[in-house]
C-alpha atoms as a PDB file:
ATOM      1  CA  MET A   1      -7.162  20.563  -3.584  1.00  0.00           C
ATOM      2  CA  MET A   2      -9.607  18.141  -4.207  1.00  0.00           C
ATOM      3  CA  LEU A   3      -6.902  16.081  -5.112  1.00  0.00           C
ATOM      4  CA  ARG A   4      -4.570  16.461  -2.783  1.00  0.00           C
ATOM      5  CA  MET A   5      -8.103  16.079   0.158  1.00  0.00           C
ATOM      6  CA  GLN A   6      -8.551  12.496  -1.760  1.00  0.00           C
ATOM      7  CA  LYS A   7      -4.966  11.526  -1.910  1.00  0.00           C
ATOM      8  CA  ASN A   8      -4.241  12.336   2.169  1.00  0.00           C
ATOM      9  CA  LYS A   9      -8.007  10.186   2.479  1.00  0.00           C
ATOM     10  CA  PHE A  10      -6.227   7.476   0.851  1.00  0.00           C
ATOM     11  CA  LEU A  11      -2.715   8.162   3.398  1.00  0.00           C
ATOM     12  CA  ASN A  12      -4.761   8.505   6.063  1.00  0.00           C
ATOM     13  CA  PHE A  13      -6.471   6.223   6.236  1.00  0.00           C
ATOM     14  CA  MET A  14      -3.137   3.201   5.849  1.00  0.00           C
ATOM     15  CA  GLY A  15      -2.523   4.879   9.052  1.00  0.00           C
ATOM     16  CA  ILE A  16      -5.938   4.356  10.197  1.00  0.00           C
ATOM     17  CA  CYS A  17      -5.133   0.328   9.331  1.00  0.00           C
ATOM     18  CA  LYS A  18      -1.860  -0.161  10.815  1.00  0.00           C
ATOM     19  CA  LYS A  19      -3.156   0.832  14.095  1.00  0.00           C
ATOM     20  CA  SER A  20      -5.690  -1.500  13.718  1.00  0.00           C
ATOM     21  CA  GLY A  21      -2.339  -4.067  13.743  1.00  0.00           C
ATOM     22  CA  LYS A  22      -3.223  -5.356  10.705  1.00  0.00           C
ATOM     23  CA  VAL A  23      -0.495  -3.547   8.925  1.00  0.00           C
ATOM     24  CA  VAL A  24       3.379  -5.228   7.493  1.00  0.00           C
ATOM     25  CA  LEU A  25       5.799  -2.430   7.051  1.00  0.00           C
ATOM     26  CA  GLY A  26       9.158  -3.509   4.537  1.00  0.00           C
ATOM     27  CA  ASP A  27       9.755  -6.143   1.946  1.00  0.00           C
ATOM     28  CA  HIS A  28      11.326  -8.635   4.477  1.00  0.00           C
ATOM     29  CA  MET A  29       8.367  -9.269   6.493  1.00  0.00           C
ATOM     30  CA  VAL A  30       5.773  -8.482   3.024  1.00  0.00           C
ATOM     31  CA  GLU A  31       7.397 -10.925   1.669  1.00  0.00           C
ATOM     32  CA  LYS A  32       7.258 -13.424   4.371  1.00  0.00           C
ATOM     33  CA  GLU A  33       3.911 -12.848   4.715  1.00  0.00           C
ATOM     34  CA  MET A  34       2.989 -13.521   0.902  1.00  0.00           C
ATOM     35  CA  ASN A  35       4.885 -16.528   1.561  1.00  0.00           C
ATOM     36  CA  ARG A  36       1.947 -17.241   4.173  1.00  0.00           C
ATOM     37  CA  GLU A  37      -0.764 -16.292   1.655  1.00  0.00           C
ATOM     38  CA  SER A  38      -2.582 -14.272   4.343  1.00  0.00           C
ATOM     39  CA  LEU A  39      -1.948 -10.559   2.579  1.00  0.00           C
ATOM     40  CA  LYS A  40      -5.707  -9.355   0.743  1.00  0.00           C
ATOM     41  CA  LEU A  41      -3.363  -6.037  -0.688  1.00  0.00           C
ATOM     42  CA  VAL A  42       0.433  -4.145  -1.495  1.00  0.00           C
ATOM     43  CA  VAL A  43       1.516  -1.435  -1.288  1.00  0.00           C
ATOM     44  CA  VAL A  44       4.269  -0.016  -2.749  1.00  0.00           C
ATOM     45  CA  ALA A  45       5.726   3.114  -3.076  1.00  0.00           C
ATOM     46  CA  THR A  46       6.557   5.072  -6.529  1.00  0.00           C
ATOM     47  CA  ASP A  47      10.616   5.909  -5.046  1.00  0.00           C
ATOM     48  CA  THR A  48      10.789   2.259  -4.479  1.00  0.00           C
ATOM     49  CA  SER A  49      13.346   0.743  -6.999  1.00  0.00           C
ATOM     50  CA  GLU A  50      12.236  -1.891 -10.415  1.00  0.00           C
ATOM     51  CA  ARG A  51      13.607  -4.669  -9.017  1.00  0.00           C
ATOM     52  CA  ILE A  52      11.484  -4.818  -5.307  1.00  0.00           C
ATOM     53  CA  TRP A  53       8.276  -3.495  -7.970  1.00  0.00           C
ATOM     54  CA  ALA A  54       8.663  -6.343 -10.423  1.00  0.00           C
ATOM     55  CA  LYS A  55       9.065  -9.067  -7.195  1.00  0.00           C
ATOM     56  CA  TYR A  56       5.914  -7.922  -5.893  1.00  0.00           C
ATOM     57  CA  GLU A  57       3.740  -6.956  -9.005  1.00  0.00           C
ATOM     58  CA  ARG A  58       4.415 -11.114 -10.116  1.00  0.00           C
ATOM     59  CA  PHE A  59       4.072 -12.133  -6.475  1.00  0.00           C
ATOM     60  CA  CYS A  60       0.784 -10.328  -6.207  1.00  0.00           C
ATOM     61  CA  LYS A  61      -0.680 -11.634  -9.545  1.00  0.00           C
ATOM     62  CA  GLU A  62       0.515 -15.345  -8.953  1.00  0.00           C
ATOM     63  CA  LYS A  63      -1.092 -15.560  -5.975  1.00  0.00           C
ATOM     64  CA  ASN A  64      -4.213 -12.681  -7.204  1.00  0.00           C
ATOM     65  CA  VAL A  65      -3.696  -9.775  -4.608  1.00  0.00           C
ATOM     66  CA  PRO A  66      -3.986  -6.272  -5.899  1.00  0.00           C
ATOM     67  CA  VAL A  67      -0.601  -4.345  -5.385  1.00  0.00           C
ATOM     68  CA  ILE A  68      -1.404  -0.715  -5.537  1.00  0.00           C
ATOM     69  CA  ARG A  69       2.036   1.791  -6.127  1.00  0.00           C
ATOM     70  CA  VAL A  70       1.483   5.018  -4.826  1.00  0.00           C
ATOM     71  CA  SER A  71       3.425   7.581  -3.401  1.00  0.00           C
ATOM     72  CA  THR A  72       7.325   8.155  -1.668  1.00  0.00           C
ATOM     73  CA  LYS A  73       8.443   5.714   0.807  1.00  0.00           C
ATOM     74  CA  GLU A  74       8.616   9.182   2.835  1.00  0.00           C
ATOM     75  CA  GLU A  75       5.611   9.648   3.106  1.00  0.00           C
ATOM     76  CA  LEU A  76       4.127   6.404   3.791  1.00  0.00           C
ATOM     77  CA  GLY A  77       6.445   6.491   6.610  1.00  0.00           C
ATOM     78  CA  LYS A  78       5.024   9.551   7.558  1.00  0.00           C
ATOM     79  CA  HIS A  79       1.301   8.248   7.944  1.00  0.00           C
ATOM     80  CA  LEU A  80       2.731   5.514   9.162  1.00  0.00           C
ATOM     81  CA  GLY A  81       4.902   6.021  11.802  1.00  0.00           C
ATOM     82  CA  LYS A  82       8.601   5.811  10.602  1.00  0.00           C
ATOM     83  CA  GLU A  83      11.326   7.768   8.237  1.00  0.00           C
ATOM     84  CA  SER A  84      10.485   5.887   5.645  1.00  0.00           C
ATOM     85  CA  VAL A  85       8.340   2.342   3.929  1.00  0.00           C
ATOM     86  CA  ALA A  86       8.775   0.944   0.468  1.00  0.00           C
ATOM     87  CA  VAL A  87       6.222  -1.512   0.841  1.00  0.00           C
ATOM     88  CA  VAL A  88       3.101  -2.472   2.729  1.00  0.00           C
ATOM     89  CA  GLY A  89       1.362  -5.575   3.503  1.00  0.00           C
ATOM     90  CA  PHE A  90      -2.764  -5.503   4.703  1.00  0.00           C
ATOM     91  CA  ASN A  91      -3.558  -8.901   5.879  1.00  0.00           C
ATOM     92  CA  ASP A  92      -7.720  -7.823   6.185  1.00  0.00           C
ATOM     93  CA  LYS A  93     -10.168  -8.027   3.744  1.00  0.00           C
ATOM     94  CA  ASN A  94     -12.383  -4.664   4.647  1.00  0.00           C
ATOM     95  CA  GLN A  95      -9.294  -2.892   5.189  1.00  0.00           C
ATOM     96  CA  SER A  96      -8.063  -3.466   1.968  1.00  0.00           C
ATOM     97  CA  THR A  97     -11.281  -2.929  -0.061  1.00  0.00           C
ATOM     98  CA  ASN A  98     -11.242   0.674   1.309  1.00  0.00           C
ATOM     99  CA  LEU A  99      -7.951   1.129   0.129  1.00  0.00           C
ATOM    100  CA  VAL A 100      -8.278   0.060  -3.176  1.00  0.00           C
ATOM    101  CA  LYS A 101     -11.844   1.706  -3.906  1.00  0.00           C
ATOM    102  CA  LEU A 102     -10.276   4.994  -2.427  1.00  0.00           C
ATOM    103  CA  TYR A 103      -6.802   4.372  -4.451  1.00  0.00           C
ATOM    104  CA  GLU A 104      -9.656   3.960  -7.647  1.00  0.00           C
ATOM    105  CA  ASN A 105     -11.203   7.515  -6.750  1.00  0.00           C
ATOM    106  CA  LEU A 106      -8.087   9.256  -6.521  1.00  0.00           C
ATOM    107  CA  LYS A 107      -7.437   7.902 -10.161  1.00  0.00           C
ATOM    108  CA  GLU A 108     -10.574   8.982 -11.513  1.00  0.00           C
ATOM    109  CA  THR A 109      -9.972  12.185  -9.868  1.00  0.00           C
ATOM    110  CA  GLY A 110      -6.573  12.373 -12.444  1.00  0.00           C
ATOM    111  CA  GLY A 111      -4.648  11.906  -9.395  1.00  0.00           C
ATOM    112  CA  VAL A 112      -1.859   9.846  -9.962  1.00  0.00           C
ATOM    113  CA  LEU A 113      -0.210   9.897  -5.701  1.00  0.00           C
END
């Protein structure tokens, strides 16, 4: 129960962040923002291809941007108002910091999204 609550808290906060307008969705848009060096966090769905995951893992390491692999594309999409979302980029530093904290709390409770 606690794990589900932590997971929902993380995913619901992602939805709130999207409403602020400081979120980009999809591989193409996130890659474009990475090149502008404006992203503070990247979230990649767990069922995204290994090629896409490796690209963002490398990209984020080079740019010193945290990258998190969580949830499924459908579950991310559900919380972000889309059918399916594989990659999400966050431009706001405070929102990104809060998402990383929520993710760390989830990991501490033994949860994997």
